[in-house]
Amino acid sequence: MSTVELRREIKKAVDRLPTERLLSLADYVDFLNRPPLVRRVKAAEKEIAAGKGVNWRKVRSDV
């Protein structure tokens, strides 16, 4: 099955879903579109090394 055919089938399936299931599907699609955790952690470590960000002690003084 080609990518175009697969997209068409997915769109047809979404059109058949009951309204109450669409929110759940939207959450799942959002999850699939997030960059992988490893890549996000590496990017965060790079920013911290560059001096970006806020020290957590300045944000949470009660801890």
Protein backbone atom coordinates (compact mmCIF):
# COMPACT_ATOMS: atom_id res chain seq x y z
CA MET A 1 0.00 0.00 0.00
CA SER A 2 1.42 3.38 -0.96
CA THR A 3 1.66 6.32 1.41
CA VAL A 4 -1.12 8.14 -0.43
CA GLU A 5 -3.43 5.12 -0.15
CA LEU A 6 -2.60 4.69 3.51
CA ARG A 7 -3.37 8.36 4.23
CA ARG A 8 -6.73 8.03 2.43
CA GLU A 9 -7.64 4.96 4.46
CA ILE A 10 -6.70 6.71 7.71
CA LYS A 11 -8.77 9.76 6.78
CA LYS A 12 -11.77 7.54 6.01
CA ALA A 13 -11.39 5.79 9.36
CA VAL A 14 -11.20 9.14 11.17
CA ASP A 15 -14.38 10.31 9.43
CA ARG A 16 -16.19 7.21 10.76
CA LEU A 17 -15.14 7.80 14.39
CA PRO A 18 -17.73 8.97 16.89
CA THR A 19 -17.19 12.53 18.15
CA GLU A 20 -16.23 11.43 21.66
CA ARG A 21 -13.28 9.40 20.30
CA LEU A 22 -11.81 12.30 18.29
CA LEU A 23 -10.25 13.97 21.35
CA SER A 24 -8.45 10.77 22.25
CA LEU A 25 -7.23 10.40 18.69
CA ALA A 26 -6.03 14.02 18.65
CA ASP A 27 -4.00 13.37 21.83
CA TYR A 28 -2.42 10.27 20.29
CA VAL A 29 -1.52 12.10 17.06
CA ASP A 30 0.05 14.88 19.14
CA PHE A 31 2.07 12.23 21.01
CA LEU A 32 3.30 10.71 17.75
CA ASN A 33 4.42 14.11 16.46
CA ARG A 34 6.64 14.85 19.47
CA PRO A 35 10.37 14.51 18.99
CA PRO A 36 11.86 11.43 20.63
CA LEU A 37 12.71 11.81 24.32
CA VAL A 38 16.43 11.21 23.79
CA ARG A 39 16.64 14.08 21.31
CA ARG A 40 14.75 16.41 23.68
CA VAL A 41 17.03 15.51 26.61
CA LYS A 42 20.16 16.11 24.53
CA ALA A 43 18.82 19.49 23.40
CA ALA A 44 18.05 20.42 27.01
CA GLU A 45 21.52 19.38 28.18
CA LYS A 46 23.05 21.49 25.43
CA GLU A 47 21.02 24.53 26.52
CA ILE A 48 22.00 24.02 30.16
CA ALA A 49 25.67 23.79 29.18
CA ALA A 50 25.26 27.07 27.27
CA GLY A 51 24.00 28.75 30.44
CA LYS A 52 20.38 28.94 29.37
CA GLY A 53 17.53 28.12 31.68
CA VAL A 54 16.64 28.94 35.28
CA ASN A 55 18.05 27.30 38.37
CA TRP A 56 15.28 25.30 40.01
CA ARG A 57 16.20 26.75 43.42
CA LYS A 58 15.15 30.18 42.14
CA VAL A 59 11.81 28.79 41.05
CA ARG A 60 11.10 26.57 44.06
CA SER A 61 12.40 28.09 47.25
CA ASP A 62 10.26 25.78 49.43
CA VAL A 63 12.16 22.64 48.47
